[in-house]
Amino acid sequence: MPTFNEYTNVDIDISVDDFLDECDSYDIEHVIDYLVNNGYINDSAKLAENTNHVSHNRDEVVECLDVIKENYYMLSTESEELIKQLAKTI
């Protein structure tokens, strides 16, 4: 794994799994873009794009999902069931 010590005198070893586990979907898209732009993977491997449906409101949807995630404990039973059903259809 790479080590980072550009700004300190301490080597920091970060595993890929640990790094990616801390990323949100926006960060993951940037990682994928970096890999595509630097030739590590090709455009066809870009999983962030769904060719069947492209949402023009992606940022708005992601923001709404973040609000739900942060406040899941406030959801009613009906709302939880609706979210579960939606997730199953994807």
C-alpha atoms as a PDB file:
ATOM      1  CA  MET A   1       0.000   0.000   0.000  1.00  0.00           C
ATOM      2  CA  PRO A   2       1.129   3.542  -0.571  1.00  0.00           C
ATOM      3  CA  THR A   3       2.520   5.580   2.260  1.00  0.00           C
ATOM      4  CA  PHE A   4       2.051   9.294   2.608  1.00  0.00           C
ATOM      5  CA  ASN A   5       4.550  11.607   4.257  1.00  0.00           C
ATOM      6  CA  GLU A   6       4.448  14.689   2.059  1.00  0.00           C
ATOM      7  CA  TYR A   7       3.470  17.056   4.872  1.00  0.00           C
ATOM      8  CA  THR A   8       4.810  15.222   7.900  1.00  0.00           C
ATOM      9  CA  ASN A   9       7.825  13.214   8.909  1.00  0.00           C
ATOM     10  CA  VAL A  10       5.574  10.263   9.687  1.00  0.00           C
ATOM     11  CA  ASP A  11       4.718   7.572   7.153  1.00  0.00           C
ATOM     12  CA  ILE A  12       0.991   6.877   7.033  1.00  0.00           C
ATOM     13  CA  ASP A  13      -0.050   3.544   5.549  1.00  0.00           C
ATOM     14  CA  ILE A  14      -3.700   3.469   4.460  1.00  0.00           C
ATOM     15  CA  SER A  15      -5.287   0.298   3.128  1.00  0.00           C
ATOM     16  CA  VAL A  16      -7.471   0.606   0.054  1.00  0.00           C
ATOM     17  CA  ASP A  17     -10.377  -1.008   1.916  1.00  0.00           C
ATOM     18  CA  ASP A  18     -10.131   1.466   4.798  1.00  0.00           C
ATOM     19  CA  PHE A  19      -9.897   4.380   2.395  1.00  0.00           C
ATOM     20  CA  LEU A  20     -12.835   3.331   0.221  1.00  0.00           C
ATOM     21  CA  ASP A  21     -14.991   2.419   3.226  1.00  0.00           C
ATOM     22  CA  GLU A  22     -14.744   6.049   4.349  1.00  0.00           C
ATOM     23  CA  CYS A  23     -15.722   7.420   0.916  1.00  0.00           C
ATOM     24  CA  ASP A  24     -19.245   8.453   0.028  1.00  0.00           C
ATOM     25  CA  SER A  25     -20.649   7.979  -3.475  1.00  0.00           C
ATOM     26  CA  TYR A  26     -19.346  11.401  -4.562  1.00  0.00           C
ATOM     27  CA  ASP A  27     -15.809  10.461  -3.456  1.00  0.00           C
ATOM     28  CA  ILE A  28     -16.059   7.088  -5.213  1.00  0.00           C
ATOM     29  CA  GLU A  29     -17.033   8.836  -8.444  1.00  0.00           C
ATOM     30  CA  HIS A  30     -13.902  10.983  -8.140  1.00  0.00           C
ATOM     31  CA  VAL A  31     -11.770   7.885  -7.606  1.00  0.00           C
ATOM     32  CA  ILE A  32     -13.314   6.276 -10.692  1.00  0.00           C
ATOM     33  CA  ASP A  33     -12.802   9.466 -12.727  1.00  0.00           C
ATOM     34  CA  TYR A  34      -9.158   9.568 -11.618  1.00  0.00           C
ATOM     35  CA  LEU A  35      -8.642   5.939 -12.636  1.00  0.00           C
ATOM     36  CA  VAL A  36     -10.265   6.541 -16.032  1.00  0.00           C
ATOM     37  CA  ASN A  37      -8.406   9.813 -16.686  1.00  0.00           C
ATOM     38  CA  ASN A  38      -5.041   8.267 -15.803  1.00  0.00           C
ATOM     39  CA  GLY A  39      -5.541   5.150 -17.903  1.00  0.00           C
ATOM     40  CA  TYR A  40      -5.915   2.613 -15.093  1.00  0.00           C
ATOM     41  CA  ILE A  41      -9.389   1.599 -16.299  1.00  0.00           C
ATOM     42  CA  ASN A  42     -11.345   2.381 -19.443  1.00  0.00           C
ATOM     43  CA  ASP A  43     -14.589   4.319 -19.727  1.00  0.00           C
ATOM     44  CA  SER A  44     -16.662   1.170 -20.198  1.00  0.00           C
ATOM     45  CA  ALA A  45     -15.685   0.078 -16.674  1.00  0.00           C
ATOM     46  CA  LYS A  46     -17.150   3.243 -15.191  1.00  0.00           C
ATOM     47  CA  LEU A  47     -19.828   1.776 -12.955  1.00  0.00           C
ATOM     48  CA  ALA A  48     -21.153   5.119 -11.740  1.00  0.00           C
ATOM     49  CA  GLU A  49     -23.110   5.606 -14.952  1.00  0.00           C
ATOM     50  CA  ASN A  50     -26.331   3.686 -15.500  1.00  0.00           C
ATOM     51  CA  THR A  51     -27.031   3.524 -19.215  1.00  0.00           C
ATOM     52  CA  ASN A  52     -30.687   2.607 -18.664  1.00  0.00           C
ATOM     53  CA  HIS A  53     -31.548   5.738 -16.715  1.00  0.00           C
ATOM     54  CA  VAL A  54     -29.592   8.937 -16.247  1.00  0.00           C
ATOM     55  CA  SER A  55     -30.972  11.151 -13.527  1.00  0.00           C
ATOM     56  CA  HIS A  56     -30.730  14.856 -14.169  1.00  0.00           C
ATOM     57  CA  ASN A  57     -31.439  15.415 -10.483  1.00  0.00           C
ATOM     58  CA  ARG A  58     -28.662  13.177  -9.158  1.00  0.00           C
ATOM     59  CA  ASP A  59     -27.287  15.677  -6.655  1.00  0.00           C
ATOM     60  CA  GLU A  60     -30.759  16.356  -5.285  1.00  0.00           C
ATOM     61  CA  VAL A  61     -31.481  12.632  -4.922  1.00  0.00           C
ATOM     62  CA  VAL A  62     -28.147  12.015  -3.203  1.00  0.00           C
ATOM     63  CA  GLU A  63     -28.818  14.882  -0.789  1.00  0.00           C
ATOM     64  CA  CYS A  64     -32.239  13.441   0.038  1.00  0.00           C
ATOM     65  CA  LEU A  65     -30.754  10.005   0.607  1.00  0.00           C
ATOM     66  CA  ASP A  66     -28.144  11.522   2.911  1.00  0.00           C
ATOM     67  CA  VAL A  67     -30.889  13.218   4.953  1.00  0.00           C
ATOM     68  CA  ILE A  68     -32.744   9.905   5.239  1.00  0.00           C
ATOM     69  CA  LYS A  69     -29.551   8.120   6.219  1.00  0.00           C
ATOM     70  CA  GLU A  70     -28.680  10.652   8.908  1.00  0.00           C
ATOM     71  CA  ASN A  71     -32.220  10.636  10.325  1.00  0.00           C
ATOM     72  CA  TYR A  72     -33.228   7.009   9.843  1.00  0.00           C
ATOM     73  CA  TYR A  73     -34.208   6.735  13.506  1.00  0.00           C
ATOM     74  CA  MET A  74     -37.048   9.204  12.883  1.00  0.00           C
ATOM     75  CA  LEU A  75     -38.645   7.133  10.097  1.00  0.00           C
ATOM     76  CA  SER A  76     -42.076   5.663  10.605  1.00  0.00           C
ATOM     77  CA  THR A  77     -42.593   1.952  10.050  1.00  0.00           C
ATOM     78  CA  GLU A  78     -44.418   2.769   6.825  1.00  0.00           C
ATOM     79  CA  SER A  79     -41.512   4.890   5.577  1.00  0.00           C
ATOM     80  CA  GLU A  80     -39.041   2.136   6.400  1.00  0.00           C
ATOM     81  CA  GLU A  81     -41.121  -0.374   4.450  1.00  0.00           C
ATOM     82  CA  LEU A  82     -41.374   1.993   1.489  1.00  0.00           C
ATOM     83  CA  ILE A  83     -37.589   2.429   1.427  1.00  0.00           C
ATOM     84  CA  LYS A  84     -37.060  -1.325   1.682  1.00  0.00           C
ATOM     85  CA  GLN A  85     -39.459  -1.944  -1.224  1.00  0.00           C
ATOM     86  CA  LEU A  86     -37.741   0.714  -3.300  1.00  0.00           C
ATOM     87  CA  ALA A  87     -34.332  -0.814  -2.608  1.00  0.00           C
ATOM     88  CA  LYS A  88     -35.579  -4.240  -3.680  1.00  0.00           C
ATOM     89  CA  THR A  89     -36.691  -2.901  -7.070  1.00  0.00           C
ATOM     90  CA  ILE A  90     -33.253  -1.561  -7.945  1.00  0.00           C
END
